[in-house]
């Protein structure tokens, strides 16, 4: 999947970035680790699942499970840690 390859190519520098809406505000999201998923169904960029395993985002073919991230203004952390302190809703789109 092209998105996964792009993310791996950008680590550690310059990094792979997206924008995530948190409480109505766009916040920069840096992505460090992902796992490919063939089960994700949704529109590209749509968050389709949020649980202890990570944040599953649909892509053109399948999706990506985001496992390690850094939200603007915060330290690098696992998706599970981010989910505990940030309300991320299914149906939200990464921009």
N, C-alpha and C. Protein backbone atom coordinates (compact mmCIF):
# COMPACT_ATOMS: atom_id res chain seq x y z
N UNK A 1 0.85 -1.17 0.00
CA UNK A 1 0.00 0.00 0.00
C UNK A 1 0.90 1.23 0.00
N UNK A 2 0.58 2.18 -0.85
CA UNK A 2 1.41 3.37 -1.02
C UNK A 2 1.51 4.23 0.23
N UNK A 3 0.42 4.36 0.98
CA UNK A 3 0.43 5.20 2.17
C UNK A 3 1.40 4.64 3.21
N UNK A 4 1.36 3.35 3.42
CA UNK A 4 2.26 2.70 4.37
C UNK A 4 3.72 2.90 3.96
N UNK A 5 4.01 2.72 2.69
CA UNK A 5 5.38 2.91 2.19
C UNK A 5 5.83 4.35 2.38
N UNK A 6 4.94 5.29 2.16
CA UNK A 6 5.27 6.72 2.34
C UNK A 6 5.61 6.99 3.81
N UNK A 7 4.80 6.48 4.72
CA UNK A 7 5.04 6.71 6.15
C UNK A 7 6.39 6.14 6.55
N UNK A 8 6.69 4.91 6.14
CA UNK A 8 7.98 4.30 6.48
C UNK A 8 9.14 5.07 5.88
N UNK A 9 8.96 5.62 4.69
CA UNK A 9 10.04 6.37 4.03
C UNK A 9 10.32 7.70 4.74
N UNK A 10 9.35 8.25 5.43
CA UNK A 10 9.50 9.56 6.07
C UNK A 10 10.03 9.48 7.50
N UNK A 11 10.26 8.28 8.02
CA UNK A 11 10.73 8.11 9.39
C UNK A 11 12.25 8.00 9.38
N UNK A 12 13.04 8.63 10.18
CA UNK A 12 12.61 9.52 11.24
C UNK A 12 12.41 10.96 10.77
N UNK A 13 12.91 11.29 9.59
CA UNK A 13 12.80 12.68 9.15
C UNK A 13 12.38 12.70 7.70
N UNK A 14 11.56 13.53 7.25
CA UNK A 14 10.90 14.64 7.95
C UNK A 14 9.65 14.23 8.71
N UNK A 15 9.19 13.01 8.51
CA UNK A 15 8.00 12.54 9.22
C UNK A 15 6.78 12.56 8.32
N UNK A 16 5.80 11.74 8.65
CA UNK A 16 4.53 11.69 7.93
C UNK A 16 3.49 12.41 8.77
N UNK A 17 2.83 13.40 8.19
CA UNK A 17 1.90 14.24 8.93
C UNK A 17 0.50 14.19 8.33
N UNK A 18 -0.48 14.41 9.19
CA UNK A 18 -1.86 14.57 8.81
C UNK A 18 -2.47 15.56 9.78
N UNK A 19 -3.71 15.94 9.54
CA UNK A 19 -4.43 16.80 10.47
C UNK A 19 -5.60 16.02 11.02
N UNK A 20 -5.76 16.06 12.34
CA UNK A 20 -6.86 15.38 13.02
C UNK A 20 -7.68 16.42 13.75
N UNK A 21 -8.99 16.38 13.57
CA UNK A 21 -9.87 17.30 14.30
C UNK A 21 -10.13 16.72 15.69
N UNK A 22 -9.73 17.50 16.70
CA UNK A 22 -9.92 17.12 18.10
C UNK A 22 -10.70 18.25 18.74
N UNK A 23 -11.90 17.94 19.22
CA UNK A 23 -12.77 18.94 19.85
C UNK A 23 -12.96 20.14 18.94
N UNK A 24 -13.15 19.88 17.64
CA UNK A 24 -13.44 20.92 16.66
C UNK A 24 -12.23 21.69 16.15
N UNK A 25 -11.07 21.37 16.65
CA UNK A 25 -9.85 22.08 16.26
C UNK A 25 -8.92 21.15 15.49
N UNK A 26 -8.39 21.62 14.37
CA UNK A 26 -7.43 20.83 13.59
C UNK A 26 -6.08 20.79 14.27
N UNK A 27 -5.60 19.61 14.58
CA UNK A 27 -4.30 19.45 15.24
C UNK A 27 -3.41 18.56 14.36
N UNK A 28 -2.15 18.94 14.26
CA UNK A 28 -1.21 18.16 13.46
C UNK A 28 -0.93 16.82 14.14
N UNK A 29 -0.94 15.76 13.34
CA UNK A 29 -0.72 14.41 13.82
C UNK A 29 0.46 13.82 13.06
N UNK A 30 1.51 13.46 13.78
CA UNK A 30 2.68 12.82 13.17
C UNK A 30 2.55 11.32 13.39
N UNK A 31 2.73 10.55 12.32
CA UNK A 31 2.55 9.10 12.36
C UNK A 31 3.91 8.42 12.30
N UNK A 32 4.16 7.53 13.28
CA UNK A 32 5.44 6.83 13.35
C UNK A 32 5.35 5.36 12.98
N UNK A 33 4.33 4.65 13.49
CA UNK A 33 4.22 3.21 13.22
C UNK A 33 2.81 2.85 12.81
N UNK A 34 2.72 1.99 11.80
CA UNK A 34 1.42 1.53 11.31
C UNK A 34 1.48 0.02 11.01
N UNK A 35 0.31 -0.55 10.88
CA UNK A 35 0.16 -1.94 10.44
C UNK A 35 -0.88 -1.93 9.33
N UNK A 36 -0.58 -2.62 8.24
CA UNK A 36 -1.55 -2.71 7.15
C UNK A 36 -2.76 -3.53 7.58
N UNK A 37 -3.92 -3.13 7.11
CA UNK A 37 -5.15 -3.86 7.38
C UNK A 37 -5.92 -4.03 6.08
N UNK A 38 -6.34 -5.24 5.82
CA UNK A 38 -7.13 -5.48 4.61
C UNK A 38 -8.62 -5.44 4.91
N UNK A 39 -8.97 -5.36 6.19
CA UNK A 39 -10.38 -5.42 6.60
C UNK A 39 -11.06 -4.06 6.68
N UNK A 40 -10.32 -2.99 6.67
CA UNK A 40 -10.92 -1.66 6.85
C UNK A 40 -11.85 -1.34 5.69
N UNK A 41 -13.05 -0.90 6.03
CA UNK A 41 -14.00 -0.50 5.01
C UNK A 41 -14.51 0.88 5.36
N UNK A 42 -14.34 1.79 4.42
CA UNK A 42 -14.77 3.17 4.62
C UNK A 42 -14.18 4.02 3.52
N UNK A 43 -14.42 5.29 3.60
CA UNK A 43 -13.85 6.21 2.62
C UNK A 43 -12.41 6.53 3.01
N UNK A 44 -11.53 6.72 2.04
CA UNK A 44 -10.14 7.01 2.37
C UNK A 44 -10.00 8.18 3.35
N UNK A 45 -9.24 7.94 4.40
CA UNK A 45 -9.01 8.96 5.43
C UNK A 45 -9.99 8.90 6.59
N UNK A 46 -11.00 8.04 6.50
CA UNK A 46 -12.02 7.94 7.54
C UNK A 46 -11.55 7.02 8.66
N UNK A 47 -11.70 7.46 9.90
CA UNK A 47 -11.41 6.62 11.06
C UNK A 47 -12.57 5.66 11.22
N UNK A 48 -12.28 4.36 11.11
CA UNK A 48 -13.35 3.37 11.15
C UNK A 48 -13.37 2.55 12.44
N UNK A 49 -12.30 2.62 13.23
CA UNK A 49 -12.27 1.91 14.51
C UNK A 49 -11.25 2.57 15.42
N UNK A 50 -11.61 2.68 16.69
CA UNK A 50 -10.71 3.21 17.72
C UNK A 50 -10.80 2.26 18.91
N UNK A 51 -9.69 1.57 19.22
CA UNK A 51 -9.69 0.65 20.35
C UNK A 51 -8.27 0.48 20.88
N UNK A 52 -8.09 -0.48 21.80
CA UNK A 52 -6.78 -0.67 22.43
C UNK A 52 -5.69 -1.09 21.46
N UNK A 53 -6.07 -1.54 20.25
CA UNK A 53 -5.09 -1.94 19.25
C UNK A 53 -4.57 -0.76 18.44
N UNK A 54 -5.32 0.33 18.41
CA UNK A 54 -4.91 1.50 17.66
C UNK A 54 -6.08 2.20 17.00
N UNK A 55 -5.75 3.03 16.04
CA UNK A 55 -6.75 3.81 15.30
C UNK A 55 -6.72 3.30 13.87
N UNK A 56 -7.82 2.72 13.42
CA UNK A 56 -7.90 2.14 12.09
C UNK A 56 -8.46 3.19 11.13
N UNK A 57 -7.67 3.49 10.09
CA UNK A 57 -8.06 4.50 9.10
C UNK A 57 -8.20 3.82 7.75
N UNK A 58 -9.34 4.03 7.10
CA UNK A 58 -9.58 3.43 5.78
C UNK A 58 -8.69 4.10 4.74
N UNK A 59 -8.32 3.33 3.73
CA UNK A 59 -7.54 3.83 2.59
C UNK A 59 -8.25 3.37 1.32
N UNK A 60 -7.70 3.70 0.18
CA UNK A 60 -8.32 3.30 -1.09
C UNK A 60 -8.48 1.78 -1.15
N UNK A 61 -7.49 1.06 -0.66
CA UNK A 61 -7.55 -0.41 -0.58
C UNK A 61 -7.20 -0.81 0.85
N UNK A 62 -8.17 -1.29 1.60
CA UNK A 62 -7.92 -1.68 2.98
C UNK A 62 -7.75 -0.46 3.86
N UNK A 63 -6.74 -0.52 4.73
CA UNK A 63 -6.53 0.60 5.63
C UNK A 63 -5.23 0.46 6.39
N UNK A 64 -5.03 1.38 7.31
CA UNK A 64 -3.84 1.40 8.16
C UNK A 64 -4.27 1.47 9.62
N UNK A 65 -3.66 0.64 10.43
CA UNK A 65 -3.86 0.72 11.86
C UNK A 65 -2.73 1.58 12.41
N UNK A 66 -3.07 2.75 12.90
CA UNK A 66 -2.07 3.66 13.45
C UNK A 66 -1.71 3.18 14.85
N UNK A 67 -0.42 2.93 15.09
CA UNK A 67 0.02 2.35 16.36
C UNK A 67 0.85 3.29 17.22
N UNK A 68 1.64 4.16 16.59
CA UNK A 68 2.48 5.09 17.35
C UNK A 68 2.38 6.45 16.70
N UNK A 69 2.03 7.47 17.52
CA UNK A 69 1.69 8.79 16.99
C UNK A 69 2.22 9.89 17.89
N UNK A 70 2.14 11.11 17.36
CA UNK A 70 2.42 12.28 18.19
C UNK A 70 1.46 13.37 17.77
N UNK A 71 0.57 13.75 18.68
CA UNK A 71 -0.37 14.82 18.43
C UNK A 71 0.31 16.13 18.78
N UNK A 72 0.07 17.14 17.97
CA UNK A 72 0.67 18.46 18.17
C UNK A 72 0.58 18.88 19.64
N UNK A 73 1.71 19.29 20.19
CA UNK A 73 1.75 19.74 21.58
C UNK A 73 1.92 18.62 22.59
N UNK A 74 2.04 17.38 22.12
CA UNK A 74 2.21 16.24 23.02
C UNK A 74 3.44 15.45 22.65
N UNK A 75 3.80 14.51 23.52
CA UNK A 75 4.96 13.66 23.26
C UNK A 75 4.56 12.49 22.35
N UNK A 76 5.54 11.83 21.80
CA UNK A 76 5.31 10.62 21.00
C UNK A 76 4.76 9.53 21.93
N UNK A 77 3.72 8.81 21.47
CA UNK A 77 3.08 7.80 22.31
C UNK A 77 2.39 6.75 21.47
N UNK A 78 1.99 5.66 22.12
CA UNK A 78 1.22 4.65 21.42
C UNK A 78 -0.18 5.18 21.18
N UNK A 79 -0.86 4.58 20.22
CA UNK A 79 -2.24 4.98 19.94
C UNK A 79 -3.11 4.74 21.16
N UNK A 80 -2.86 3.66 21.88
CA UNK A 80 -3.64 3.35 23.07
C UNK A 80 -3.52 4.48 24.10
N UNK A 81 -2.31 4.99 24.31
CA UNK A 81 -2.11 6.11 25.24
C UNK A 81 -2.82 7.36 24.76
N UNK A 82 -2.74 7.63 23.45
CA UNK A 82 -3.40 8.81 22.89
C UNK A 82 -4.91 8.72 23.06
N UNK A 83 -5.47 7.55 22.83
CA UNK A 83 -6.92 7.34 22.94
C UNK A 83 -7.40 7.57 24.37
N UNK A 84 -6.60 7.19 25.35
CA UNK A 84 -6.99 7.38 26.76
C UNK A 84 -7.18 8.85 27.11
N UNK A 85 -6.38 9.73 26.49
CA UNK A 85 -6.44 11.14 26.86
C UNK A 85 -7.08 12.05 25.83
N UNK A 86 -7.52 11.50 24.70
CA UNK A 86 -8.07 12.32 23.62
C UNK A 86 -9.30 11.62 23.05
N UNK A 87 -10.39 12.37 22.92
CA UNK A 87 -11.60 11.79 22.33
C UNK A 87 -11.46 11.80 20.81
N UNK A 88 -11.32 10.61 20.25
CA UNK A 88 -11.21 10.43 18.80
C UNK A 88 -12.41 9.60 18.37
N UNK A 89 -13.25 10.19 17.53
CA UNK A 89 -14.50 9.53 17.17
C UNK A 89 -14.42 8.81 15.83
N UNK A 90 -15.06 7.64 15.78
CA UNK A 90 -15.23 6.91 14.53
C UNK A 90 -16.03 7.82 13.59
N UNK A 91 -15.64 7.84 12.33
CA UNK A 91 -16.31 8.70 11.34
C UNK A 91 -15.58 9.99 11.08
N UNK A 92 -14.62 10.33 11.96
CA UNK A 92 -13.79 11.52 11.76
C UNK A 92 -12.84 11.24 10.60
N UNK A 93 -12.47 12.27 9.86
CA UNK A 93 -11.53 12.11 8.74
C UNK A 93 -10.20 12.76 9.05
N UNK A 94 -9.12 12.08 8.66
CA UNK A 94 -7.80 12.72 8.69
C UNK A 94 -7.75 13.61 7.46
N UNK A 95 -7.23 14.78 7.62
CA UNK A 95 -7.19 15.74 6.51
C UNK A 95 -5.78 15.84 5.96
